[in-house]
Amino acid sequence: MYWIETYRLIAVVRLDDLSCATELTGALLEGGVRVLEFTYTNREAGRAIEEVRRRFEGTCLVGAGTVLDAETARQAMLAGAQFIVTPTLRRETIEICRRYSVPSVIGAFTPTEILTAWEWGADYIKVNPASLAGPSYFKDVLAPLPQVKLIPSGGVTLETAPAFLAAGAVAVAVGSHLVDRRLVAARDWVGLRERARQWAELVARSGGEGLRT
């Protein structure tokens, strides 16, 4: 949990081709991004997590995203996932994460879902799609529920990220606006590194400890 709240930026890697996972991770790390989430929409996500953990152990935090059930969460943990992200509220996934002391980022949207996930033991709540809610929603939810730790995901941009953090989000999760499919397809690691650096510097300027490159 230290990494997520210190660096406050999660790169969501949702790609059809993960054969370049180590090169991609290297570019993100060079740009200052230290927390990555490989989504289980790709059947090779587990392999990618294993490779990245082996190659970059100790230099980044690697998680599994789009985890739909407890069994997938367990498989991801065995692959080396250091945190688990779900798209929806799943109590059994929270429970297995707590059993193995692996942080969970649980998808929820309404105040009732958010509080329920927190009471069940979620470490963080992923509010998705954040683009629909907007930063003001985070401020409104946190007013009566200041204890919950919210992370916006889905449509977070360079323009909106500072507002989400200012509204009380502990971190932001960013997909295509950071891990650009075109840059990855072209193997443009310099371009991806600079995109990562742009995000890292933005989050650092938004307060807190931010990112260190």
N, C-alpha and C. Protein backbone atom coordinates (compact mmCIF):
# COMPACT_ATOMS: atom_id res chain seq x y z
N MET A 1 0.83 -1.21 0.00
CA MET A 1 0.00 0.00 0.00
C MET A 1 0.86 1.25 0.00
N TYR A 2 2.06 1.13 0.57
CA TYR A 2 2.97 2.28 0.62
C TYR A 2 3.23 2.83 -0.79
N TRP A 3 3.48 1.94 -1.74
CA TRP A 3 3.80 2.38 -3.09
C TRP A 3 2.64 3.17 -3.71
N ILE A 4 1.44 2.67 -3.57
CA ILE A 4 0.29 3.31 -4.20
C ILE A 4 0.08 4.71 -3.66
N GLU A 5 0.15 4.87 -2.35
CA GLU A 5 -0.11 6.17 -1.76
C GLU A 5 1.09 7.11 -1.84
N THR A 6 2.27 6.57 -2.04
CA THR A 6 3.44 7.41 -2.22
C THR A 6 3.53 7.93 -3.65
N TYR A 7 3.39 7.03 -4.61
CA TYR A 7 3.56 7.43 -6.01
C TYR A 7 2.26 7.92 -6.65
N ARG A 8 1.13 7.47 -6.15
CA ARG A 8 -0.20 8.01 -6.48
C ARG A 8 -0.56 7.95 -7.96
N LEU A 9 0.07 7.05 -8.69
CA LEU A 9 -0.21 6.88 -10.11
C LEU A 9 -0.08 5.41 -10.46
N ILE A 10 -1.17 4.84 -10.99
CA ILE A 10 -1.16 3.44 -11.42
C ILE A 10 -1.32 3.41 -12.94
N ALA A 11 -0.35 2.81 -13.62
CA ALA A 11 -0.44 2.64 -15.06
C ALA A 11 -1.21 1.36 -15.35
N VAL A 12 -2.35 1.50 -16.01
CA VAL A 12 -3.19 0.35 -16.33
C VAL A 12 -2.81 -0.15 -17.72
N VAL A 13 -2.24 -1.35 -17.78
CA VAL A 13 -1.79 -1.93 -19.04
C VAL A 13 -2.87 -2.87 -19.56
N ARG A 14 -3.67 -2.35 -20.48
CA ARG A 14 -4.75 -3.15 -21.09
C ARG A 14 -4.46 -3.24 -22.59
N LEU A 15 -3.74 -4.30 -22.96
CA LEU A 15 -3.29 -4.47 -24.34
C LEU A 15 -3.63 -5.86 -24.85
N ASP A 16 -3.77 -5.99 -26.17
CA ASP A 16 -4.00 -7.30 -26.78
C ASP A 16 -2.72 -8.11 -26.89
N ASP A 17 -1.58 -7.41 -26.94
CA ASP A 17 -0.29 -8.07 -27.07
C ASP A 17 0.61 -7.68 -25.91
N LEU A 18 0.98 -8.65 -25.08
CA LEU A 18 1.83 -8.40 -23.93
C LEU A 18 3.23 -9.00 -24.11
N SER A 19 3.59 -9.31 -25.35
CA SER A 19 4.90 -9.91 -25.60
C SER A 19 6.04 -8.95 -25.27
N CYS A 20 5.72 -7.64 -25.23
CA CYS A 20 6.75 -6.64 -24.94
C CYS A 20 6.60 -6.09 -23.53
N ALA A 21 6.07 -6.88 -22.61
CA ALA A 21 5.77 -6.40 -21.26
C ALA A 21 7.01 -5.84 -20.55
N THR A 22 8.15 -6.50 -20.71
CA THR A 22 9.34 -6.03 -20.01
C THR A 22 9.86 -4.72 -20.62
N GLU A 23 9.84 -4.61 -21.94
CA GLU A 23 10.28 -3.37 -22.58
C GLU A 23 9.36 -2.22 -22.21
N LEU A 24 8.07 -2.50 -22.22
CA LEU A 24 7.07 -1.49 -21.84
C LEU A 24 7.30 -1.04 -20.40
N THR A 25 7.51 -2.00 -19.51
CA THR A 25 7.73 -1.66 -18.11
C THR A 25 9.01 -0.84 -17.94
N GLY A 26 10.03 -1.21 -18.66
CA GLY A 26 11.27 -0.46 -18.58
C GLY A 26 11.10 0.99 -18.97
N ALA A 27 10.32 1.23 -20.02
CA ALA A 27 10.07 2.60 -20.46
C ALA A 27 9.28 3.37 -19.41
N LEU A 28 8.28 2.74 -18.82
CA LEU A 28 7.49 3.40 -17.78
C LEU A 28 8.34 3.73 -16.56
N LEU A 29 9.20 2.79 -16.18
CA LEU A 29 10.07 3.02 -15.03
C LEU A 29 11.04 4.17 -15.30
N GLU A 30 11.60 4.21 -16.49
CA GLU A 30 12.51 5.29 -16.84
C GLU A 30 11.81 6.64 -16.79
N GLY A 31 10.51 6.63 -17.08
CA GLY A 31 9.73 7.87 -17.03
C GLY A 31 9.26 8.24 -15.64
N GLY A 32 9.44 7.34 -14.67
CA GLY A 32 9.06 7.66 -13.30
C GLY A 32 7.83 6.97 -12.77
N VAL A 33 7.21 6.10 -13.57
CA VAL A 33 6.02 5.36 -13.11
C VAL A 33 6.49 4.11 -12.38
N ARG A 34 5.98 3.89 -11.19
CA ARG A 34 6.46 2.79 -10.35
C ARG A 34 5.39 1.74 -10.03
N VAL A 35 4.13 2.01 -10.38
CA VAL A 35 3.04 1.07 -10.07
C VAL A 35 2.32 0.72 -11.36
N LEU A 36 2.26 -0.58 -11.68
CA LEU A 36 1.65 -1.05 -12.92
C LEU A 36 0.58 -2.10 -12.63
N GLU A 37 -0.44 -2.09 -13.45
CA GLU A 37 -1.53 -3.07 -13.35
C GLU A 37 -1.72 -3.72 -14.71
N PHE A 38 -1.50 -5.03 -14.79
CA PHE A 38 -1.74 -5.78 -16.01
C PHE A 38 -3.13 -6.41 -15.92
N THR A 39 -4.00 -6.08 -16.86
CA THR A 39 -5.39 -6.53 -16.76
C THR A 39 -5.56 -7.95 -17.29
N TYR A 40 -6.44 -8.68 -16.64
CA TYR A 40 -6.72 -10.06 -17.02
C TYR A 40 -7.73 -10.15 -18.17
N THR A 41 -7.89 -9.08 -18.93
CA THR A 41 -8.59 -9.16 -20.20
C THR A 41 -7.70 -9.82 -21.24
N ASN A 42 -6.42 -9.96 -20.91
CA ASN A 42 -5.47 -10.68 -21.75
C ASN A 42 -5.04 -11.93 -21.01
N ARG A 43 -5.16 -13.07 -21.64
CA ARG A 43 -4.85 -14.35 -20.98
C ARG A 43 -3.38 -14.48 -20.62
N GLU A 44 -2.54 -13.61 -21.20
CA GLU A 44 -1.10 -13.64 -20.92
C GLU A 44 -0.71 -12.73 -19.75
N ALA A 45 -1.70 -12.16 -19.08
CA ALA A 45 -1.40 -11.21 -17.99
C ALA A 45 -0.57 -11.86 -16.90
N GLY A 46 -0.89 -13.08 -16.55
CA GLY A 46 -0.13 -13.77 -15.50
C GLY A 46 1.32 -13.94 -15.88
N ARG A 47 1.57 -14.34 -17.12
CA ARG A 47 2.95 -14.48 -17.60
C ARG A 47 3.67 -13.14 -17.57
N ALA A 48 2.97 -12.08 -17.99
CA ALA A 48 3.59 -10.75 -17.99
C ALA A 48 3.97 -10.33 -16.58
N ILE A 49 3.10 -10.60 -15.61
CA ILE A 49 3.39 -10.26 -14.22
C ILE A 49 4.62 -11.02 -13.74
N GLU A 50 4.69 -12.30 -14.05
CA GLU A 50 5.86 -13.10 -13.66
C GLU A 50 7.14 -12.53 -14.24
N GLU A 51 7.11 -12.19 -15.53
CA GLU A 51 8.30 -11.68 -16.21
C GLU A 51 8.75 -10.33 -15.63
N VAL A 52 7.77 -9.47 -15.41
CA VAL A 52 8.09 -8.14 -14.90
C VAL A 52 8.63 -8.23 -13.47
N ARG A 53 8.01 -9.07 -12.65
CA ARG A 53 8.50 -9.24 -11.28
C ARG A 53 9.94 -9.75 -11.28
N ARG A 54 10.21 -10.72 -12.16
CA ARG A 54 11.56 -11.31 -12.22
C ARG A 54 12.59 -10.29 -12.71
N ARG A 55 12.21 -9.49 -13.69
CA ARG A 55 13.16 -8.55 -14.30
C ARG A 55 13.35 -7.29 -13.46
N PHE A 56 12.28 -6.82 -12.80
CA PHE A 56 12.34 -5.51 -12.14
C PHE A 56 12.04 -5.59 -10.63
N GLU A 57 12.31 -6.72 -10.04
CA GLU A 57 12.02 -6.92 -8.62
C GLU A 57 12.60 -5.80 -7.77
N GLY A 58 11.74 -5.22 -6.94
CA GLY A 58 12.18 -4.19 -6.01
C GLY A 58 12.14 -2.78 -6.55
N THR A 59 11.88 -2.64 -7.85
CA THR A 59 11.87 -1.30 -8.44
C THR A 59 10.47 -0.83 -8.82
N CYS A 60 9.48 -1.72 -8.73
CA CYS A 60 8.11 -1.34 -9.05
C CYS A 60 7.14 -2.26 -8.33
N LEU A 61 5.88 -1.83 -8.29
CA LEU A 61 4.81 -2.64 -7.71
C LEU A 61 3.93 -3.10 -8.87
N VAL A 62 3.70 -4.42 -8.95
CA VAL A 62 2.99 -4.99 -10.09
C VAL A 62 1.70 -5.65 -9.63
N GLY A 63 0.59 -5.23 -10.21
CA GLY A 63 -0.70 -5.77 -9.82
C GLY A 63 -1.46 -6.40 -10.97
N ALA A 64 -2.57 -7.04 -10.63
CA ALA A 64 -3.46 -7.67 -11.61
C ALA A 64 -4.78 -6.93 -11.62
N GLY A 65 -5.25 -6.59 -12.82
CA GLY A 65 -6.52 -5.86 -12.94
C GLY A 65 -7.59 -6.67 -13.64
N THR A 66 -8.80 -6.15 -13.60
CA THR A 66 -9.98 -6.82 -14.18
C THR A 66 -10.09 -8.24 -13.66
N VAL A 67 -9.91 -8.39 -12.37
CA VAL A 67 -10.02 -9.70 -11.70
C VAL A 67 -11.48 -9.89 -11.32
N LEU A 68 -12.12 -10.88 -11.91
CA LEU A 68 -13.57 -11.04 -11.77
C LEU A 68 -14.00 -11.91 -10.61
N ASP A 69 -13.09 -12.74 -10.07
CA ASP A 69 -13.51 -13.65 -9.00
C ASP A 69 -12.30 -14.04 -8.14
N ALA A 70 -12.60 -14.73 -7.06
CA ALA A 70 -11.56 -15.10 -6.11
C ALA A 70 -10.55 -16.06 -6.71
N GLU A 71 -10.99 -16.97 -7.56
CA GLU A 71 -10.07 -17.94 -8.16
C GLU A 71 -9.06 -17.24 -9.06
N THR A 72 -9.53 -16.28 -9.85
CA THR A 72 -8.60 -15.52 -10.69
C THR A 72 -7.64 -14.71 -9.82
N ALA A 73 -8.14 -14.17 -8.72
CA ALA A 73 -7.28 -13.43 -7.80
C ALA A 73 -6.18 -14.34 -7.27
N ARG A 74 -6.52 -15.55 -6.91
CA ARG A 74 -5.53 -16.51 -6.40
C ARG A 74 -4.49 -16.83 -7.47
N GLN A 75 -4.94 -17.06 -8.71
CA GLN A 75 -4.01 -17.34 -9.79
C GLN A 75 -3.06 -16.16 -10.02
N ALA A 76 -3.61 -14.95 -9.93
CA ALA A 76 -2.78 -13.75 -10.11
C ALA A 76 -1.74 -13.65 -9.00
N MET A 77 -2.13 -13.95 -7.77
CA MET A 77 -1.19 -13.91 -6.66
C MET A 77 -0.07 -14.92 -6.86
N LEU A 78 -0.43 -16.11 -7.34
CA LEU A 78 0.58 -17.14 -7.59
C LEU A 78 1.55 -16.71 -8.69
N ALA A 79 1.05 -15.88 -9.62
CA ALA A 79 1.91 -15.35 -10.68
C ALA A 79 2.81 -14.24 -10.17
N GLY A 80 2.49 -13.73 -8.97
CA GLY A 80 3.32 -12.68 -8.39
C GLY A 80 2.66 -11.34 -8.23
N ALA A 81 1.35 -11.25 -8.49
CA ALA A 81 0.65 -9.97 -8.35
C ALA A 81 0.75 -9.47 -6.92
N GLN A 82 1.10 -8.20 -6.79
CA GLN A 82 1.28 -7.59 -5.47
C GLN A 82 0.08 -6.78 -5.02
N PHE A 83 -0.89 -6.61 -5.89
CA PHE A 83 -2.19 -6.07 -5.52
C PHE A 83 -3.21 -6.53 -6.56
N ILE A 84 -4.46 -6.55 -6.15
CA ILE A 84 -5.54 -7.08 -6.99
C ILE A 84 -6.58 -5.98 -7.21
N VAL A 85 -6.99 -5.81 -8.48
CA VAL A 85 -7.97 -4.80 -8.83
C VAL A 85 -9.19 -5.47 -9.47
N THR A 86 -10.37 -5.13 -8.98
CA THR A 86 -11.60 -5.67 -9.55
C THR A 86 -12.42 -4.57 -10.20
N PRO A 87 -13.25 -4.91 -11.19
CA PRO A 87 -14.12 -3.90 -11.79
C PRO A 87 -15.42 -3.70 -11.02
N THR A 88 -15.77 -4.69 -10.17
CA THR A 88 -17.04 -4.64 -9.45
C THR A 88 -16.83 -5.08 -8.01
N LEU A 89 -17.88 -4.96 -7.23
CA LEU A 89 -17.86 -5.29 -5.80
C LEU A 89 -17.98 -6.80 -5.61
N ARG A 90 -16.89 -7.44 -5.17
CA ARG A 90 -16.86 -8.89 -4.99
C ARG A 90 -16.31 -9.21 -3.60
N ARG A 91 -17.18 -9.64 -2.70
CA ARG A 91 -16.75 -9.89 -1.33
C ARG A 91 -15.73 -11.01 -1.23
N GLU A 92 -15.92 -12.08 -2.00
CA GLU A 92 -15.00 -13.22 -1.90
C GLU A 92 -13.60 -12.85 -2.36
N THR A 93 -13.49 -11.88 -3.28
CA THR A 93 -12.17 -11.44 -3.73
C THR A 93 -11.48 -10.63 -2.63
N ILE A 94 -12.25 -9.80 -1.95
CA ILE A 94 -11.69 -9.06 -0.82
C ILE A 94 -11.19 -10.04 0.24
N GLU A 95 -11.98 -11.06 0.51
CA GLU A 95 -11.63 -12.02 1.55
C GLU A 95 -10.34 -12.78 1.24
N ILE A 96 -10.18 -13.21 -0.02
CA ILE A 96 -8.97 -13.96 -0.34
C ILE A 96 -7.75 -13.05 -0.34
N CYS A 97 -7.92 -11.79 -0.70
CA CYS A 97 -6.81 -10.84 -0.63
C CYS A 97 -6.38 -10.63 0.82
N ARG A 98 -7.34 -10.51 1.71
CA ARG A 98 -7.01 -10.33 3.12
C ARG A 98 -6.37 -11.60 3.68
N ARG A 99 -6.81 -12.75 3.21
CA ARG A 99 -6.25 -14.01 3.70
C ARG A 99 -4.76 -14.09 3.42
N TYR A 100 -4.35 -13.58 2.25
CA TYR A 100 -2.95 -13.66 1.85
C TYR A 100 -2.21 -12.32 1.97
N SER A 101 -2.84 -11.36 2.65
CA SER A 101 -2.23 -10.05 2.91
C SER A 101 -1.79 -9.34 1.63
N VAL A 102 -2.64 -9.42 0.60
CA VAL A 102 -2.40 -8.74 -0.67
C VAL A 102 -3.42 -7.60 -0.77
N PRO A 103 -2.96 -6.37 -0.96
CA PRO A 103 -3.90 -5.23 -1.05
C PRO A 103 -4.92 -5.41 -2.17
N SER A 104 -6.13 -4.94 -1.91
CA SER A 104 -7.19 -5.02 -2.90
C SER A 104 -7.67 -3.63 -3.27
N VAL A 105 -7.96 -3.46 -4.56
CA VAL A 105 -8.54 -2.23 -5.09
C VAL A 105 -9.86 -2.65 -5.71
N ILE A 106 -10.96 -2.37 -5.01
CA ILE A 106 -12.25 -2.95 -5.36
C ILE A 106 -13.14 -1.94 -6.07
N GLY A 107 -13.69 -2.35 -7.21
CA GLY A 107 -14.54 -1.48 -7.99
C GLY A 107 -15.89 -1.23 -7.34
N ALA A 108 -16.27 0.02 -7.26
CA ALA A 108 -17.56 0.42 -6.72
C ALA A 108 -17.88 1.81 -7.27
N PHE A 109 -19.15 2.20 -7.18
CA PHE A 109 -19.51 3.50 -7.74
C PHE A 109 -20.39 4.32 -6.80
N THR A 110 -21.46 3.73 -6.32
CA THR A 110 -22.37 4.48 -5.46
C THR A 110 -21.82 4.56 -4.05
N PRO A 111 -22.27 5.53 -3.25
CA PRO A 111 -21.82 5.60 -1.85
C PRO A 111 -22.08 4.31 -1.08
N THR A 112 -23.20 3.66 -1.34
CA THR A 112 -23.50 2.41 -0.65
C THR A 112 -22.50 1.33 -1.01
N GLU A 113 -22.18 1.20 -2.32
CA GLU A 113 -21.19 0.21 -2.74
C GLU A 113 -19.81 0.54 -2.16
N ILE A 114 -19.46 1.80 -2.16
CA ILE A 114 -18.15 2.23 -1.65
C ILE A 114 -18.02 1.88 -0.18
N LEU A 115 -19.01 2.22 0.62
CA LEU A 115 -18.95 1.93 2.05
C LEU A 115 -18.98 0.43 2.31
N THR A 116 -19.78 -0.29 1.53
CA THR A 116 -19.84 -1.75 1.69
C THR A 116 -18.49 -2.38 1.44
N ALA A 117 -17.83 -1.99 0.35
CA ALA A 117 -16.51 -2.53 0.03
C ALA A 117 -15.53 -2.23 1.15
N TRP A 118 -15.59 -1.03 1.69
CA TRP A 118 -14.69 -0.64 2.78
C TRP A 118 -14.96 -1.47 4.04
N GLU A 119 -16.22 -1.64 4.37
CA GLU A 119 -16.58 -2.42 5.56
C GLU A 119 -16.20 -3.89 5.40
N TRP A 120 -16.21 -4.40 4.18
CA TRP A 120 -15.81 -5.79 3.92
C TRP A 120 -14.29 -5.96 3.96
N GLY A 121 -13.55 -4.85 3.97
CA GLY A 121 -12.10 -4.95 4.12
C GLY A 121 -11.28 -4.55 2.92
N ALA A 122 -11.88 -3.91 1.93
CA ALA A 122 -11.10 -3.44 0.79
C ALA A 122 -10.09 -2.40 1.25
N ASP A 123 -8.90 -2.44 0.67
CA ASP A 123 -7.87 -1.45 1.02
C ASP A 123 -8.11 -0.14 0.28
N TYR A 124 -8.55 -0.24 -0.96
CA TYR A 124 -8.86 0.93 -1.78
C TYR A 124 -10.14 0.67 -2.54
N ILE A 125 -10.81 1.75 -2.92
CA ILE A 125 -12.01 1.65 -3.74
C ILE A 125 -11.73 2.31 -5.08
N LYS A 126 -11.91 1.54 -6.15
CA LYS A 126 -11.75 2.09 -7.50
C LYS A 126 -13.10 2.59 -8.00
N VAL A 127 -13.20 3.88 -8.22
CA VAL A 127 -14.44 4.47 -8.73
C VAL A 127 -14.33 4.55 -10.25
N ASN A 128 -15.17 3.78 -10.93
CA ASN A 128 -15.11 3.67 -12.38
C ASN A 128 -16.52 3.62 -12.98
N PRO A 129 -16.82 4.38 -14.04
CA PRO A 129 -15.92 5.28 -14.75
C PRO A 129 -15.83 6.65 -14.07
N ALA A 130 -14.60 7.04 -13.79
CA ALA A 130 -14.38 8.32 -13.12
C ALA A 130 -14.81 9.50 -13.98
N SER A 131 -14.74 9.31 -15.31
CA SER A 131 -15.14 10.39 -16.21
C SER A 131 -16.61 10.73 -16.06
N LEU A 132 -17.41 9.75 -15.67
CA LEU A 132 -18.84 9.99 -15.45
C LEU A 132 -19.08 10.68 -14.11
N ALA A 133 -18.30 10.30 -13.10
CA ALA A 133 -18.49 10.87 -11.77
C ALA A 133 -17.93 12.29 -11.68
N GLY A 134 -16.67 12.45 -12.09
CA GLY A 134 -16.03 13.75 -12.01
C GLY A 134 -15.44 14.01 -10.63
N PRO A 135 -14.48 14.92 -10.53
CA PRO A 135 -13.81 15.21 -9.26
C PRO A 135 -14.76 15.66 -8.15
N SER A 136 -15.81 16.40 -8.49
CA SER A 136 -16.73 16.90 -7.47
C SER A 136 -17.43 15.74 -6.76
N TYR A 137 -17.65 14.64 -7.46
CA TYR A 137 -18.28 13.46 -6.86
C TYR A 137 -17.39 12.91 -5.74
N PHE A 138 -16.08 12.89 -5.96
CA PHE A 138 -15.15 12.40 -4.94
C PHE A 138 -15.23 13.27 -3.69
N LYS A 139 -15.26 14.56 -3.88
CA LYS A 139 -15.35 15.48 -2.75
C LYS A 139 -16.65 15.26 -1.99
N ASP A 140 -17.74 15.06 -2.72
CA ASP A 140 -19.05 14.86 -2.08
C ASP A 140 -19.11 13.54 -1.32
N VAL A 141 -18.51 12.48 -1.88
CA VAL A 141 -18.52 11.18 -1.22
C VAL A 141 -17.64 11.19 0.03
N LEU A 142 -16.49 11.84 -0.08
CA LEU A 142 -15.54 11.84 1.03
C LEU A 142 -15.97 12.75 2.18
N ALA A 143 -16.89 13.66 1.94
CA ALA A 143 -17.36 14.52 3.03
C ALA A 143 -17.97 13.70 4.16
N PRO A 144 -18.92 12.77 3.86
CA PRO A 144 -19.46 11.94 4.94
C PRO A 144 -18.66 10.65 5.18
N LEU A 145 -17.77 10.29 4.22
CA LEU A 145 -17.00 9.05 4.34
C LEU A 145 -15.50 9.33 4.20
N PRO A 146 -14.95 10.14 5.09
CA PRO A 146 -13.54 10.54 4.94
C PRO A 146 -12.55 9.41 5.13
N GLN A 147 -13.00 8.28 5.69
CA GLN A 147 -12.08 7.18 5.97
C GLN A 147 -11.76 6.34 4.75
N VAL A 148 -12.59 6.40 3.70
CA VAL A 148 -12.37 5.53 2.55
C VAL A 148 -11.28 6.10 1.65
N LYS A 149 -10.57 5.20 0.96
CA LYS A 149 -9.48 5.60 0.07
C LYS A 149 -9.92 5.35 -1.37
N LEU A 150 -10.15 6.44 -2.09
CA LEU A 150 -10.72 6.35 -3.43
C LEU A 150 -9.65 6.54 -4.50
N ILE A 151 -9.79 5.77 -5.58
CA ILE A 151 -8.92 5.87 -6.75
C ILE A 151 -9.80 5.97 -8.00
N PRO A 152 -9.75 7.08 -8.73
CA PRO A 152 -10.52 7.19 -9.96
C PRO A 152 -9.88 6.38 -11.07
N SER A 153 -10.71 5.77 -11.89
CA SER A 153 -10.23 4.98 -13.03
C SER A 153 -11.24 5.11 -14.15
N GLY A 154 -10.75 5.14 -15.37
CA GLY A 154 -11.66 5.24 -16.51
C GLY A 154 -11.84 6.67 -16.97
N GLY A 155 -11.04 7.07 -17.96
CA GLY A 155 -11.18 8.41 -18.50
C GLY A 155 -10.42 9.49 -17.77
N VAL A 156 -9.49 9.12 -16.87
CA VAL A 156 -8.67 10.12 -16.18
C VAL A 156 -7.65 10.67 -17.17
N THR A 157 -7.58 11.98 -17.29
CA THR A 157 -6.69 12.62 -18.25
C THR A 157 -5.69 13.54 -17.54
N LEU A 158 -4.74 14.04 -18.31
CA LEU A 158 -3.78 15.00 -17.76
C LEU A 158 -4.49 16.24 -17.23
N GLU A 159 -5.61 16.58 -17.84
CA GLU A 159 -6.35 17.75 -17.42
C GLU A 159 -7.15 17.53 -16.14
N THR A 160 -7.69 16.30 -15.96
CA THR A 160 -8.56 16.05 -14.81
C THR A 160 -7.85 15.44 -13.61
N ALA A 161 -6.70 14.81 -13.82
CA ALA A 161 -6.01 14.13 -12.72
C ALA A 161 -5.74 15.04 -11.52
N PRO A 162 -5.21 16.25 -11.72
CA PRO A 162 -4.96 17.11 -10.55
C PRO A 162 -6.23 17.41 -9.75
N ALA A 163 -7.36 17.56 -10.45
CA ALA A 163 -8.61 17.85 -9.75
C ALA A 163 -9.07 16.66 -8.92
N PHE A 164 -8.89 15.44 -9.44
CA PHE A 164 -9.24 14.25 -8.66
C PHE A 164 -8.39 14.17 -7.40
N LEU A 165 -7.09 14.42 -7.53
CA LEU A 165 -6.21 14.36 -6.37
C LEU A 165 -6.54 15.47 -5.37
N ALA A 166 -6.86 16.64 -5.88
CA ALA A 166 -7.23 17.75 -5.00
C ALA A 166 -8.54 17.47 -4.28
N ALA A 167 -9.41 16.68 -4.91
CA ALA A 167 -10.71 16.36 -4.30
C ALA A 167 -10.60 15.26 -3.26
N GLY A 168 -9.40 14.66 -3.11
CA GLY A 168 -9.21 13.67 -2.05
C GLY A 168 -8.83 12.28 -2.50
N ALA A 169 -8.73 12.03 -3.80
CA ALA A 169 -8.30 10.71 -4.27
C ALA A 169 -6.87 10.45 -3.80
N VAL A 170 -6.59 9.21 -3.39
CA VAL A 170 -5.25 8.88 -2.90
C VAL A 170 -4.30 8.57 -4.05
N ALA A 171 -4.86 8.28 -5.24
CA ALA A 171 -4.07 7.98 -6.42
C ALA A 171 -5.00 8.04 -7.62
N VAL A 172 -4.42 8.00 -8.81
CA VAL A 172 -5.23 7.91 -10.03
C VAL A 172 -4.75 6.70 -10.82
N ALA A 173 -5.70 6.01 -11.46
CA ALA A 173 -5.37 4.88 -12.33
C ALA A 173 -5.61 5.32 -13.77
N VAL A 174 -4.58 5.17 -14.60
CA VAL A 174 -4.62 5.72 -15.95
C VAL A 174 -4.28 4.64 -16.97
N GLY A 175 -5.16 4.47 -17.94
CA GLY A 175 -4.94 3.47 -18.98
C GLY A 175 -4.38 4.06 -20.25
N SER A 176 -5.22 4.19 -21.28
CA SER A 176 -4.75 4.58 -22.61
C SER A 176 -4.16 5.98 -22.68
N HIS A 177 -4.53 6.84 -21.75
CA HIS A 177 -3.94 8.17 -21.75
C HIS A 177 -2.48 8.16 -21.30
N LEU A 178 -2.05 7.04 -20.74
CA LEU A 178 -0.65 6.86 -20.34
C LEU A 178 -0.01 5.76 -21.18
N VAL A 179 -0.58 4.56 -21.13
CA VAL A 179 -0.05 3.43 -21.90
C VAL A 179 -0.71 3.47 -23.28
N ASP A 180 -0.20 4.34 -24.13
CA ASP A 180 -0.77 4.60 -25.45
C ASP A 180 -0.55 3.39 -26.37
N ARG A 181 -1.64 2.82 -26.89
CA ARG A 181 -1.54 1.64 -27.74
C ARG A 181 -0.68 1.89 -28.99
N ARG A 182 -0.78 3.09 -29.54
CA ARG A 182 -0.02 3.39 -30.76
C ARG A 182 1.48 3.41 -30.47
N LEU A 183 1.87 3.98 -29.35
CA LEU A 183 3.28 4.00 -28.99
C LEU A 183 3.80 2.59 -28.76
N VAL A 184 3.00 1.76 -28.09
CA VAL A 184 3.42 0.39 -27.81
C VAL A 184 3.50 -0.41 -29.11
N ALA A 185 2.50 -0.27 -29.98
CA ALA A 185 2.49 -1.00 -31.25
C ALA A 185 3.70 -0.65 -32.10
N ALA A 186 4.13 0.61 -32.03
CA ALA A 186 5.29 1.06 -32.80
C ALA A 186 6.59 0.78 -32.08
N ARG A 187 6.52 0.20 -30.89
CA ARG A 187 7.69 -0.03 -30.04
C ARG A 187 8.46 1.28 -29.82
N ASP A 188 7.70 2.35 -29.66
CA ASP A 188 8.29 3.67 -29.44
C ASP A 188 8.49 3.86 -27.94
N TRP A 189 9.56 3.26 -27.43
CA TRP A 189 9.80 3.29 -25.99
C TRP A 189 10.25 4.65 -25.52
N VAL A 190 10.89 5.41 -26.37
CA VAL A 190 11.26 6.78 -26.01
C VAL A 190 10.00 7.62 -25.85
N GLY A 191 9.06 7.47 -26.78
CA GLY A 191 7.80 8.20 -26.68
C GLY A 191 7.01 7.81 -25.45
N LEU A 192 6.99 6.51 -25.13
CA LEU A 192 6.27 6.05 -23.95
C LEU A 192 6.95 6.55 -22.69
N ARG A 193 8.27 6.56 -22.68
CA ARG A 193 9.01 7.09 -21.52
C ARG A 193 8.68 8.55 -21.28
N GLU A 194 8.60 9.32 -22.35
CA GLU A 194 8.28 10.74 -22.19
C GLU A 194 6.83 10.94 -21.76
N ARG A 195 5.93 10.09 -22.24
CA ARG A 195 4.54 10.16 -21.78
C ARG A 195 4.47 9.85 -20.29
N ALA A 196 5.21 8.84 -19.86
CA ALA A 196 5.27 8.49 -18.44
C ALA A 196 5.83 9.64 -17.62
N ARG A 197 6.90 10.27 -18.13
CA ARG A 197 7.51 11.37 -17.41
C ARG A 197 6.52 12.54 -17.27
N GLN A 198 5.74 12.77 -18.30
CA GLN A 198 4.75 13.84 -18.25
C GLN A 198 3.74 13.59 -17.14
N TRP A 199 3.28 12.35 -17.04
CA TRP A 199 2.34 12.00 -15.98
C TRP A 199 3.00 12.06 -14.60
N ALA A 200 4.23 11.55 -14.51
CA ALA A 200 4.93 11.54 -13.23
C ALA A 200 5.11 12.95 -12.69
N GLU A 201 5.51 13.84 -13.56
CA GLU A 201 5.73 15.21 -13.13
C GLU A 201 4.41 15.89 -12.76
N LEU A 202 3.36 15.58 -13.50
CA LEU A 202 2.05 16.16 -13.19
C LEU A 202 1.58 15.76 -11.79
N VAL A 203 1.70 14.47 -11.48
CA VAL A 203 1.26 13.98 -10.18
C VAL A 203 2.13 14.55 -9.08
N ALA A 204 3.43 14.67 -9.35
CA ALA A 204 4.35 15.25 -8.36
C ALA A 204 3.96 16.69 -8.05
N ARG A 205 3.54 17.44 -9.05
CA ARG A 205 3.16 18.84 -8.84
C ARG A 205 1.82 18.96 -8.14
N SER A 206 1.07 17.87 -8.12
CA SER A 206 -0.27 17.91 -7.54
C SER A 206 -0.26 17.71 -6.05
N GLY A 207 0.92 17.75 -5.42
CA GLY A 207 1.01 17.63 -3.97
C GLY A 207 1.39 16.25 -3.52
N GLY A 208 1.66 16.07 -2.23
CA GLY A 208 2.08 14.79 -1.68
C GLY A 208 3.52 14.53 -2.06
N GLU A 209 3.99 13.32 -1.77
CA GLU A 209 5.38 12.98 -2.07
C GLU A 209 5.61 12.85 -3.56
N GLY A 210 4.55 12.37 -4.27
CA GLY A 210 4.66 12.26 -5.71
C GLY A 210 5.67 11.24 -6.15
N LEU A 211 6.14 11.39 -7.38
CA LEU A 211 7.02 10.42 -7.98
C LEU A 211 8.47 10.87 -7.93
N ARG A 212 9.35 9.92 -7.78
CA ARG A 212 10.78 10.22 -7.78
C ARG A 212 11.41 9.46 -8.95
N THR A 213 12.10 10.15 -9.81
CA THR A 213 12.71 9.49 -10.97
C THR A 213 14.22 9.42 -10.80
